Protein backbone atom coordinates (compact mmCIF):
# COMPACT_ATOMS: atom_id res chain seq x y z
CA MET A 1 79.99 127.73 -54.71
CA THR A 2 80.02 124.45 -51.83
CA LEU A 3 79.40 125.84 -48.09
CA GLN A 4 82.53 123.69 -46.14
CA ALA A 5 81.82 123.29 -42.86
CA ALA A 6 84.40 125.55 -41.52
CA ASP A 7 82.81 128.46 -44.10
CA VAL A 8 79.75 127.82 -41.09
CA PRO A 9 80.86 126.94 -37.49
CA LEU A 10 78.21 128.07 -35.45
CA PHE A 11 76.16 125.20 -37.53
CA THR A 12 78.52 122.20 -36.98
CA GLU A 13 77.56 121.60 -33.29
CA LEU A 14 73.36 121.28 -34.58
CA GLU A 15 72.31 118.03 -34.00
CA VAL A 16 69.47 116.03 -36.27
CA ASP A 17 67.63 113.50 -36.50
CA LEU A 18 69.42 110.29 -38.68
CA ALA A 19 67.29 107.43 -39.80
CA VAL A 20 68.38 105.37 -42.29
CA VAL A 21 65.41 103.04 -43.60
CA LEU A 22 65.48 99.31 -44.73
CA GLY A 23 62.78 98.58 -46.16
CA GLN A 24 58.47 99.82 -45.48
CA ALA A 25 55.74 96.96 -45.12
CA ARG A 26 51.68 97.93 -44.61
CA VAL A 27 50.11 95.65 -42.42
CA PRO A 28 46.83 95.64 -40.64
CA LEU A 29 46.51 96.88 -37.39
CA ARG A 30 44.90 93.35 -36.46
CA GLU A 31 48.45 92.16 -37.28
CA MET A 32 50.49 94.77 -35.08
CA LEU A 33 48.22 93.66 -32.08
CA LYS A 34 49.22 90.19 -32.56
CA MET A 35 53.05 90.22 -32.81
CA SER A 36 55.96 89.29 -29.98
CA ARG A 37 59.58 88.87 -29.53
CA GLY A 38 60.38 86.64 -33.27
CA ALA A 39 57.94 88.29 -35.06
CA ILE A 40 58.87 88.41 -38.49
CA ILE A 41 58.23 91.60 -40.82
CA ALA A 42 58.89 91.37 -44.80
CA LEU A 43 59.53 94.09 -46.35
CA ASP A 44 59.45 96.27 -49.46
CA THR A 45 63.23 95.31 -50.09
CA ALA A 46 65.79 93.23 -51.82
CA LEU A 47 68.65 92.42 -49.90
CA ASP A 48 70.70 93.89 -51.98
CA ASP A 49 68.46 97.29 -52.45
CA PRO A 50 69.80 100.80 -51.49
CA CYS A 51 69.27 101.37 -47.99
CA ALA A 52 68.10 105.81 -47.73
CA VAL A 53 69.51 107.72 -45.16
CA MET A 54 67.04 110.66 -44.28
CA VAL A 55 67.55 112.87 -42.16
CA ASN A 56 64.82 115.26 -40.62
CA GLY A 57 62.27 113.19 -42.56
CA ARG A 58 64.70 114.06 -45.94
CA MET A 59 66.25 112.27 -48.31
CA VAL A 60 70.13 112.95 -48.31
CA ALA A 61 71.55 109.68 -49.56
CA ARG A 62 71.82 106.24 -50.47
CA GLY A 63 73.84 103.31 -49.41
CA GLU A 64 75.07 99.78 -48.67
CA VAL A 65 74.54 98.09 -45.45
CA GLU A 66 77.83 96.18 -44.17
CA VAL A 67 77.91 93.79 -40.41
CA ASN A 68 81.00 91.82 -39.47
CA ALA A 69 81.29 90.27 -36.12
CA GLU A 70 81.42 93.31 -33.69
CA ALA A 71 78.95 96.55 -35.54
CA MET A 72 76.41 97.62 -38.49
CA ALA A 73 77.57 100.38 -40.09
CA LEU A 74 76.23 102.11 -43.58
CA ALA A 75 78.37 102.78 -46.18
CA ILE A 76 77.16 105.51 -48.43
CA THR A 77 76.93 104.54 -52.16
CA GLU A 78 75.19 108.20 -53.63
CA THR A 79 74.46 111.56 -52.05
CA HIS A 80 71.22 113.99 -52.91
CA ARG A 81 72.01 117.78 -52.52
CA ALA A 82 68.57 120.05 -51.89
CA GLY A 83 67.02 120.84 -54.38
CA ALA A 84 67.97 118.68 -57.26
CA ALA A 85 66.55 117.50 -59.75
């Protein structure tokens, strides 16, 4: 059985923290302190790698960044359900 938003109207107004993770880097503090505007941080991902979609610190999906002249967006390519293997 899958719950739908209509099944739990009380919860549909809750706000969650959503983050899209492009990649990660491990940087020594001394390097961070030297950074200024325009600094570039190399990430551990390739340009075409999917991004992780995190909700309240848990990965719930992956997607691909899409950019046009006016905005950035994320196209969801796969979802991860709680308790799924």
